[in-house]
Amino acid sequence: MARKNNRGDYVVCISNRGFRTSLVIRRIYRSLADPVAAKRNLIRVVDESGEDYLYPATMFVAIDIPHSVQKVFKKAS
């Protein structure tokens, strides 16, 4: 599950079972802090639609992205 903080983190999708139109396996997604969802083992992710939704946390693995790459990702959003 992704770390939770205010800046948002990045996760990689390792399963899209039940969400094949919204998530792509091995794709990097931005996750948003949501402490309430985390207590329910859910993670808030900005998916293919560009909107954020809750997904099971087991479908993602948190990854470290260099700050310079994060800046490029944010510009592209």
N, C-alpha and C. Protein backbone atom coordinates (compact mmCIF):
# COMPACT_ATOMS: atom_id res chain seq x y z
N MET A 1 0.85 -1.18 0.00
CA MET A 1 0.00 0.00 0.00
C MET A 1 0.89 1.23 0.00
N ALA A 2 0.44 2.27 -0.63
CA ALA A 2 1.21 3.50 -0.73
C ALA A 2 1.29 4.22 0.60
N ARG A 3 2.40 4.93 0.77
CA ARG A 3 2.53 5.78 1.95
C ARG A 3 1.51 6.90 1.84
N LYS A 4 1.09 7.43 2.95
CA LYS A 4 0.09 8.50 2.92
C LYS A 4 0.71 9.80 3.42
N ASN A 5 0.68 10.81 2.59
CA ASN A 5 1.09 12.14 3.01
C ASN A 5 0.40 13.16 2.11
N ASN A 6 0.63 14.41 2.36
CA ASN A 6 -0.10 15.45 1.65
C ASN A 6 0.34 15.67 0.22
N ARG A 7 1.56 15.33 -0.13
CA ARG A 7 2.04 15.61 -1.48
C ARG A 7 1.58 14.59 -2.49
N GLY A 8 1.12 13.45 -2.03
CA GLY A 8 0.75 12.38 -2.96
C GLY A 8 1.97 11.54 -3.26
N ASP A 9 1.77 10.30 -3.51
CA ASP A 9 2.84 9.38 -3.83
C ASP A 9 2.50 8.67 -5.12
N TYR A 10 3.39 7.83 -5.54
CA TYR A 10 3.17 7.08 -6.76
C TYR A 10 3.16 5.60 -6.45
N VAL A 11 2.30 4.90 -7.18
CA VAL A 11 2.15 3.46 -7.00
C VAL A 11 2.15 2.82 -8.38
N VAL A 12 2.47 1.54 -8.42
CA VAL A 12 2.39 0.79 -9.66
C VAL A 12 1.27 -0.24 -9.50
N CYS A 13 0.47 -0.39 -10.52
CA CYS A 13 -0.64 -1.33 -10.51
C CYS A 13 -0.12 -2.74 -10.75
N ILE A 14 -0.46 -3.66 -9.86
CA ILE A 14 -0.02 -5.05 -10.03
C ILE A 14 -1.20 -5.97 -10.32
N SER A 15 -2.42 -5.45 -10.26
CA SER A 15 -3.63 -6.22 -10.57
C SER A 15 -4.72 -5.24 -10.98
N ASN A 16 -5.48 -5.61 -11.99
CA ASN A 16 -6.62 -4.77 -12.38
C ASN A 16 -7.91 -5.59 -12.42
N ARG A 17 -7.91 -6.69 -11.71
CA ARG A 17 -9.07 -7.58 -11.69
C ARG A 17 -10.32 -6.80 -11.24
N GLY A 18 -11.33 -6.82 -12.10
CA GLY A 18 -12.56 -6.11 -11.81
C GLY A 18 -12.54 -4.65 -12.23
N PHE A 19 -11.38 -4.16 -12.67
CA PHE A 19 -11.24 -2.75 -13.05
C PHE A 19 -10.43 -2.61 -14.34
N ARG A 20 -10.62 -3.51 -15.27
CA ARG A 20 -9.79 -3.55 -16.49
C ARG A 20 -9.89 -2.29 -17.35
N THR A 21 -11.02 -1.61 -17.32
CA THR A 21 -11.15 -0.39 -18.12
C THR A 21 -10.56 0.83 -17.41
N SER A 22 -10.35 0.74 -16.11
CA SER A 22 -9.86 1.88 -15.33
C SER A 22 -8.38 1.82 -15.01
N LEU A 23 -7.82 0.60 -14.95
CA LEU A 23 -6.44 0.42 -14.52
C LEU A 23 -5.67 -0.45 -15.51
N VAL A 24 -4.39 -0.14 -15.67
CA VAL A 24 -3.51 -0.91 -16.54
C VAL A 24 -2.38 -1.49 -15.68
N ILE A 25 -2.20 -2.80 -15.76
CA ILE A 25 -1.13 -3.44 -14.99
C ILE A 25 0.22 -2.89 -15.44
N ARG A 26 1.10 -2.68 -14.48
CA ARG A 26 2.47 -2.14 -14.63
C ARG A 26 2.49 -0.64 -14.91
N ARG A 27 1.36 0.03 -14.91
CA ARG A 27 1.33 1.48 -15.11
C ARG A 27 1.50 2.18 -13.77
N ILE A 28 2.15 3.32 -13.80
CA ILE A 28 2.37 4.13 -12.61
C ILE A 28 1.20 5.10 -12.47
N TYR A 29 0.68 5.17 -11.25
CA TYR A 29 -0.44 6.06 -10.93
C TYR A 29 -0.08 6.93 -9.73
N ARG A 30 -0.70 8.08 -9.67
CA ARG A 30 -0.55 8.94 -8.50
C ARG A 30 -1.60 8.52 -7.46
N SER A 31 -1.16 8.41 -6.21
CA SER A 31 -2.10 8.13 -5.14
C SER A 31 -2.25 9.37 -4.28
N LEU A 32 -3.42 9.53 -3.72
CA LEU A 32 -3.72 10.69 -2.88
C LEU A 32 -3.97 10.23 -1.45
N ALA A 33 -3.54 11.03 -0.51
CA ALA A 33 -3.73 10.69 0.90
C ALA A 33 -5.22 10.61 1.23
N ASP A 34 -5.59 9.53 1.90
CA ASP A 34 -6.97 9.34 2.35
C ASP A 34 -6.94 8.41 3.56
N PRO A 35 -6.72 8.98 4.75
CA PRO A 35 -6.59 8.16 5.96
C PRO A 35 -7.82 7.31 6.26
N VAL A 36 -9.00 7.79 5.95
CA VAL A 36 -10.22 7.01 6.20
C VAL A 36 -10.23 5.77 5.31
N ALA A 37 -9.90 5.95 4.04
CA ALA A 37 -9.85 4.82 3.12
C ALA A 37 -8.78 3.82 3.53
N ALA A 38 -7.63 4.32 3.97
CA ALA A 38 -6.53 3.44 4.36
C ALA A 38 -6.95 2.51 5.50
N LYS A 39 -7.79 2.99 6.40
CA LYS A 39 -8.26 2.15 7.50
C LYS A 39 -9.11 0.99 6.98
N ARG A 40 -9.67 1.15 5.78
CA ARG A 40 -10.50 0.10 5.17
C ARG A 40 -9.71 -0.69 4.13
N ASN A 41 -8.38 -0.51 4.13
CA ASN A 41 -7.47 -1.18 3.19
C ASN A 41 -7.77 -0.80 1.74
N LEU A 42 -8.10 0.48 1.55
CA LEU A 42 -8.34 1.03 0.23
C LEU A 42 -7.31 2.12 -0.03
N ILE A 43 -7.11 2.43 -1.30
CA ILE A 43 -6.18 3.48 -1.69
C ILE A 43 -6.88 4.38 -2.72
N ARG A 44 -6.67 5.69 -2.59
CA ARG A 44 -7.26 6.63 -3.54
C ARG A 44 -6.24 6.88 -4.64
N VAL A 45 -6.64 6.55 -5.88
CA VAL A 45 -5.73 6.61 -7.03
C VAL A 45 -6.36 7.42 -8.15
N VAL A 46 -5.56 8.22 -8.81
CA VAL A 46 -6.00 8.92 -10.01
C VAL A 46 -5.82 7.93 -11.15
N ASP A 47 -6.94 7.46 -11.72
CA ASP A 47 -6.88 6.39 -12.71
C ASP A 47 -6.89 6.92 -14.14
N GLU A 48 -7.16 6.03 -15.10
CA GLU A 48 -7.14 6.37 -16.52
C GLU A 48 -8.11 7.48 -16.90
N SER A 49 -9.18 7.66 -16.13
CA SER A 49 -10.16 8.71 -16.44
C SER A 49 -9.67 10.09 -16.03
N GLY A 50 -8.60 10.13 -15.22
CA GLY A 50 -8.09 11.41 -14.72
C GLY A 50 -8.74 11.81 -13.41
N GLU A 51 -9.68 11.01 -12.94
CA GLU A 51 -10.36 11.26 -11.67
C GLU A 51 -9.80 10.31 -10.61
N ASP A 52 -9.98 10.68 -9.34
CA ASP A 52 -9.50 9.80 -8.28
C ASP A 52 -10.65 8.94 -7.75
N TYR A 53 -10.33 7.67 -7.55
CA TYR A 53 -11.29 6.69 -7.05
C TYR A 53 -10.60 5.80 -6.03
N LEU A 54 -11.41 5.11 -5.25
CA LEU A 54 -10.88 4.16 -4.28
C LEU A 54 -10.76 2.78 -4.90
N TYR A 55 -9.65 2.12 -4.63
CA TYR A 55 -9.39 0.77 -5.10
C TYR A 55 -8.81 -0.03 -3.94
N PRO A 56 -8.90 -1.36 -4.00
CA PRO A 56 -8.24 -2.17 -2.97
C PRO A 56 -6.73 -1.91 -2.98
N ALA A 57 -6.18 -1.69 -1.81
CA ALA A 57 -4.75 -1.37 -1.70
C ALA A 57 -3.87 -2.51 -2.20
N THR A 58 -4.38 -3.73 -2.16
CA THR A 58 -3.58 -4.88 -2.60
C THR A 58 -3.32 -4.87 -4.10
N MET A 59 -3.97 -4.01 -4.83
CA MET A 59 -3.78 -3.93 -6.28
C MET A 59 -2.60 -3.06 -6.67
N PHE A 60 -1.92 -2.45 -5.67
CA PHE A 60 -0.85 -1.50 -5.94
C PHE A 60 0.34 -1.74 -5.02
N VAL A 61 1.51 -1.30 -5.50
CA VAL A 61 2.72 -1.31 -4.69
C VAL A 61 3.30 0.10 -4.77
N ALA A 62 3.64 0.66 -3.62
CA ALA A 62 4.24 2.00 -3.58
C ALA A 62 5.63 1.97 -4.20
N ILE A 63 5.97 3.02 -4.94
CA ILE A 63 7.29 3.12 -5.55
C ILE A 63 7.87 4.50 -5.26
N ASP A 64 9.18 4.56 -5.24
CA ASP A 64 9.88 5.84 -5.07
C ASP A 64 10.20 6.39 -6.45
N ILE A 65 9.83 7.64 -6.66
CA ILE A 65 10.07 8.32 -7.93
C ILE A 65 10.97 9.52 -7.63
N PRO A 66 12.06 9.68 -8.38
CA PRO A 66 12.91 10.84 -8.15
C PRO A 66 12.12 12.14 -8.27
N HIS A 67 12.50 13.13 -7.49
CA HIS A 67 11.82 14.42 -7.49
C HIS A 67 11.74 15.03 -8.89
N SER A 68 12.83 14.91 -9.66
CA SER A 68 12.83 15.48 -11.02
C SER A 68 11.78 14.82 -11.91
N VAL A 69 11.55 13.53 -11.72
CA VAL A 69 10.52 12.83 -12.50
C VAL A 69 9.13 13.24 -12.02
N GLN A 70 8.95 13.41 -10.72
CA GLN A 70 7.67 13.86 -10.18
C GLN A 70 7.27 15.20 -10.80
N LYS A 71 8.24 16.09 -10.95
CA LYS A 71 7.96 17.40 -11.55
C LYS A 71 7.45 17.25 -12.98
N VAL A 72 8.05 16.34 -13.74
CA VAL A 72 7.62 16.11 -15.12
C VAL A 72 6.21 15.53 -15.13
N PHE A 73 5.93 14.57 -14.23
CA PHE A 73 4.60 13.97 -14.14
C PHE A 73 3.55 15.05 -13.84
N LYS A 74 3.84 15.93 -12.91
CA LYS A 74 2.89 16.98 -12.53
C LYS A 74 2.62 17.94 -13.67
N LYS A 75 3.66 18.27 -14.45
CA LYS A 75 3.48 19.15 -15.61
C LYS A 75 2.56 18.51 -16.64
N ALA A 76 2.68 17.20 -16.79
CA ALA A 76 1.90 16.48 -17.79
C ALA A 76 0.45 16.28 -17.36
N SER A 77 0.15 16.47 -16.09
CA SER A 77 -1.21 16.25 -15.59
C SER A 77 -2.14 17.36 -15.98
